[in-house]
Amino acid sequence: MRYLKPILLCSLTALMTPLYAASTDLTNLAGDWHLRVMDGYDVRKVRAILDFDPKQMRIGGFDACNRISGKLTPIGEHRYKTTLRSTRMACRGQSFTFVSRRLHEALESGFTIKEEKRYGIEGITIKSERHDLFFKRMVRDH
């Protein structure tokens, strides 16, 4: 009886913990990704872009206001974080500041990445404890 409570607690915790088995291998992410939806808001017009370099374990891009770059650090199975460096340009408005701040929060606090189809579009979801970001791969003209 003494061991029943810890066993039940572990079982409940395991059931309530989100499963990230469908998380994406970083090698599939090489290239540029355009942020489409952030925390339920359509943010396509601010043009935030992430560029993944899985070979170097780096991330770069544009956060809606500034150029950003950082090293991807694994912090668990299929979980990453980064410390971003950025230029110091002024944002053009509230929607740009909204996206920039939340993008930094999501990437610096720890996140998972999952390939999935949302809104009828194939893309990736970056999910942190407080934020949900959906990106679509950018196709470059050659």
Protein backbone atom coordinates (compact mmCIF):
# COMPACT_ATOMS: atom_id res chain seq x y z
CA MET A 1 0.00 0.00 0.00
CA ARG A 2 2.92 2.31 0.77
CA TYR A 3 4.17 2.06 -2.82
CA LEU A 4 0.77 2.44 -4.46
CA LYS A 5 0.63 6.24 -4.14
CA PRO A 6 3.99 6.89 -5.94
CA ILE A 7 3.08 4.38 -8.66
CA LEU A 8 -0.29 6.07 -9.23
CA LEU A 9 1.35 9.50 -9.26
CA CYS A 10 3.92 8.38 -11.85
CA SER A 11 1.21 6.79 -13.98
CA LEU A 12 -0.94 9.92 -13.94
CA THR A 13 2.04 12.12 -14.75
CA ALA A 14 2.94 9.92 -17.70
CA LEU A 15 -0.62 10.11 -19.03
CA MET A 16 -0.79 13.88 -18.67
CA THR A 17 2.63 14.62 -20.21
CA PRO A 18 2.39 15.59 -23.90
CA LEU A 19 3.86 13.05 -26.26
CA TYR A 20 6.44 14.36 -28.70
CA ALA A 21 7.06 11.12 -30.56
CA ALA A 22 6.05 12.80 -33.80
CA SER A 23 8.74 15.46 -33.36
CA THR A 24 10.89 16.23 -36.34
CA ASP A 25 14.50 15.36 -37.00
CA LEU A 26 16.35 18.65 -37.57
CA THR A 27 17.91 17.40 -40.82
CA ASN A 28 14.47 17.74 -42.44
CA LEU A 29 14.33 21.43 -41.54
CA ALA A 30 17.28 22.84 -43.49
CA GLY A 31 16.26 26.09 -45.14
CA ASP A 32 13.96 29.04 -44.58
CA TRP A 33 10.58 28.96 -42.85
CA HIS A 34 7.99 31.77 -42.86
CA LEU A 35 5.97 32.32 -39.68
CA ARG A 36 2.26 32.14 -40.54
CA VAL A 37 0.38 31.79 -37.23
CA MET A 38 1.52 32.69 -33.72
CA ASP A 39 -0.61 31.87 -30.69
CA GLY A 40 -3.72 31.79 -32.89
CA TYR A 41 -2.99 35.09 -34.71
CA ASP A 42 -2.32 35.35 -38.44
CA VAL A 43 1.09 37.08 -38.56
CA ARG A 44 2.12 36.48 -42.18
CA LYS A 45 2.39 40.19 -42.96
CA VAL A 46 5.22 40.83 -40.49
CA ARG A 47 7.48 38.46 -42.47
CA ALA A 48 9.27 36.71 -39.59
CA ILE A 49 11.55 34.01 -41.00
CA LEU A 50 13.64 31.24 -39.43
CA ASP A 51 16.55 29.63 -41.24
CA PHE A 52 17.62 26.24 -39.87
CA ASP A 53 21.16 24.94 -40.40
CA PRO A 54 21.06 21.43 -38.86
CA LYS A 55 24.65 20.56 -39.82
CA GLN A 56 25.99 23.49 -37.80
CA MET A 57 23.17 23.28 -35.21
CA ARG A 58 22.39 26.96 -35.84
CA ILE A 59 19.31 29.03 -36.39
CA GLY A 60 19.06 32.43 -38.02
CA GLY A 61 16.57 34.65 -39.74
CA PHE A 62 14.46 37.71 -39.12
CA ASP A 63 12.21 38.19 -36.06
CA ALA A 64 9.93 40.83 -37.69
CA CYS A 65 12.21 43.64 -36.47
CA ASN A 66 15.80 42.41 -36.49
CA ARG A 67 18.18 39.83 -37.94
CA ILE A 68 18.66 36.98 -35.45
CA SER A 69 21.09 34.11 -35.00
CA GLY A 70 21.88 31.52 -32.39
CA LYS A 71 23.13 28.04 -31.67
CA LEU A 72 20.56 25.28 -31.19
CA THR A 73 21.14 23.41 -27.95
CA PRO A 74 19.41 20.07 -27.30
CA ILE A 75 17.80 20.03 -23.82
CA GLY A 76 16.11 16.66 -24.03
CA GLU A 77 14.76 14.26 -26.58
CA HIS A 78 13.35 16.33 -29.46
CA ARG A 79 13.59 19.51 -27.35
CA TYR A 80 15.84 22.50 -28.04
CA LYS A 81 16.58 26.03 -26.94
CA THR A 82 18.78 28.86 -28.13
CA THR A 83 20.17 32.16 -26.96
CA LEU A 84 19.48 34.57 -29.78
CA ARG A 85 21.67 37.44 -30.84
CA SER A 86 20.01 40.18 -32.84
CA THR A 87 20.57 43.53 -34.44
CA ARG A 88 19.05 46.52 -32.63
CA MET A 89 16.71 48.11 -35.16
CA ALA A 90 13.43 49.69 -34.12
CA CYS A 91 10.20 47.78 -34.79
CA ARG A 92 7.72 49.31 -37.26
CA GLY A 93 4.62 48.82 -35.14
CA GLN A 94 2.78 46.83 -32.50
CA SER A 95 2.26 43.69 -34.58
CA PHE A 96 6.00 43.55 -35.35
CA THR A 97 6.88 43.96 -31.66
CA PHE A 98 4.26 41.33 -30.72
CA VAL A 99 5.86 38.76 -33.04
CA SER A 100 9.46 39.64 -32.19
CA ARG A 101 9.01 39.32 -28.42
CA ARG A 102 7.06 36.09 -28.57
CA LEU A 103 9.41 34.49 -31.08
CA HIS A 104 12.36 35.20 -28.77
CA GLU A 105 10.43 33.89 -25.75
CA ALA A 106 9.52 30.66 -27.54
CA LEU A 107 13.02 29.94 -28.85
CA GLU A 108 14.88 30.88 -25.69
CA SER A 109 12.62 29.08 -23.20
CA GLY A 110 12.82 25.66 -24.84
CA PHE A 111 10.71 24.21 -27.62
CA THR A 112 9.78 21.17 -29.64
CA ILE A 113 9.45 21.05 -33.42
CA LYS A 114 6.88 18.92 -35.21
CA GLU A 115 6.11 18.54 -38.91
CA GLU A 116 2.38 18.69 -39.49
CA LYS A 117 -0.42 19.97 -41.67
CA ARG A 118 -2.38 22.89 -40.20
CA TYR A 119 -4.72 25.35 -41.85
CA GLY A 120 -4.54 23.18 -44.97
CA ILE A 121 -0.78 23.82 -45.25
CA GLU A 122 2.21 21.51 -44.73
CA GLY A 123 4.67 23.03 -42.29
CA ILE A 124 6.21 22.86 -38.84
CA THR A 125 4.99 23.81 -35.41
CA ILE A 126 7.39 25.17 -32.84
CA LYS A 127 5.81 24.79 -29.43
CA SER A 128 7.13 26.17 -26.18
CA GLU A 129 5.47 26.20 -22.79
CA ARG A 130 3.68 29.49 -23.58
CA HIS A 131 3.70 29.81 -27.37
CA ASP A 132 2.56 27.94 -30.46
CA LEU A 133 4.14 28.99 -33.78
CA PHE A 134 3.28 27.56 -37.19
CA PHE A 135 5.73 27.99 -40.09
CA LYS A 136 5.52 27.20 -43.79
CA ARG A 137 8.63 26.30 -45.79
CA MET A 138 9.73 29.05 -48.13
CA VAL A 139 10.43 28.06 -51.70
CA ARG A 140 13.21 30.01 -53.33
CA ASP A 141 13.28 30.79 -57.03
CA HIS A 142 16.54 29.79 -58.66
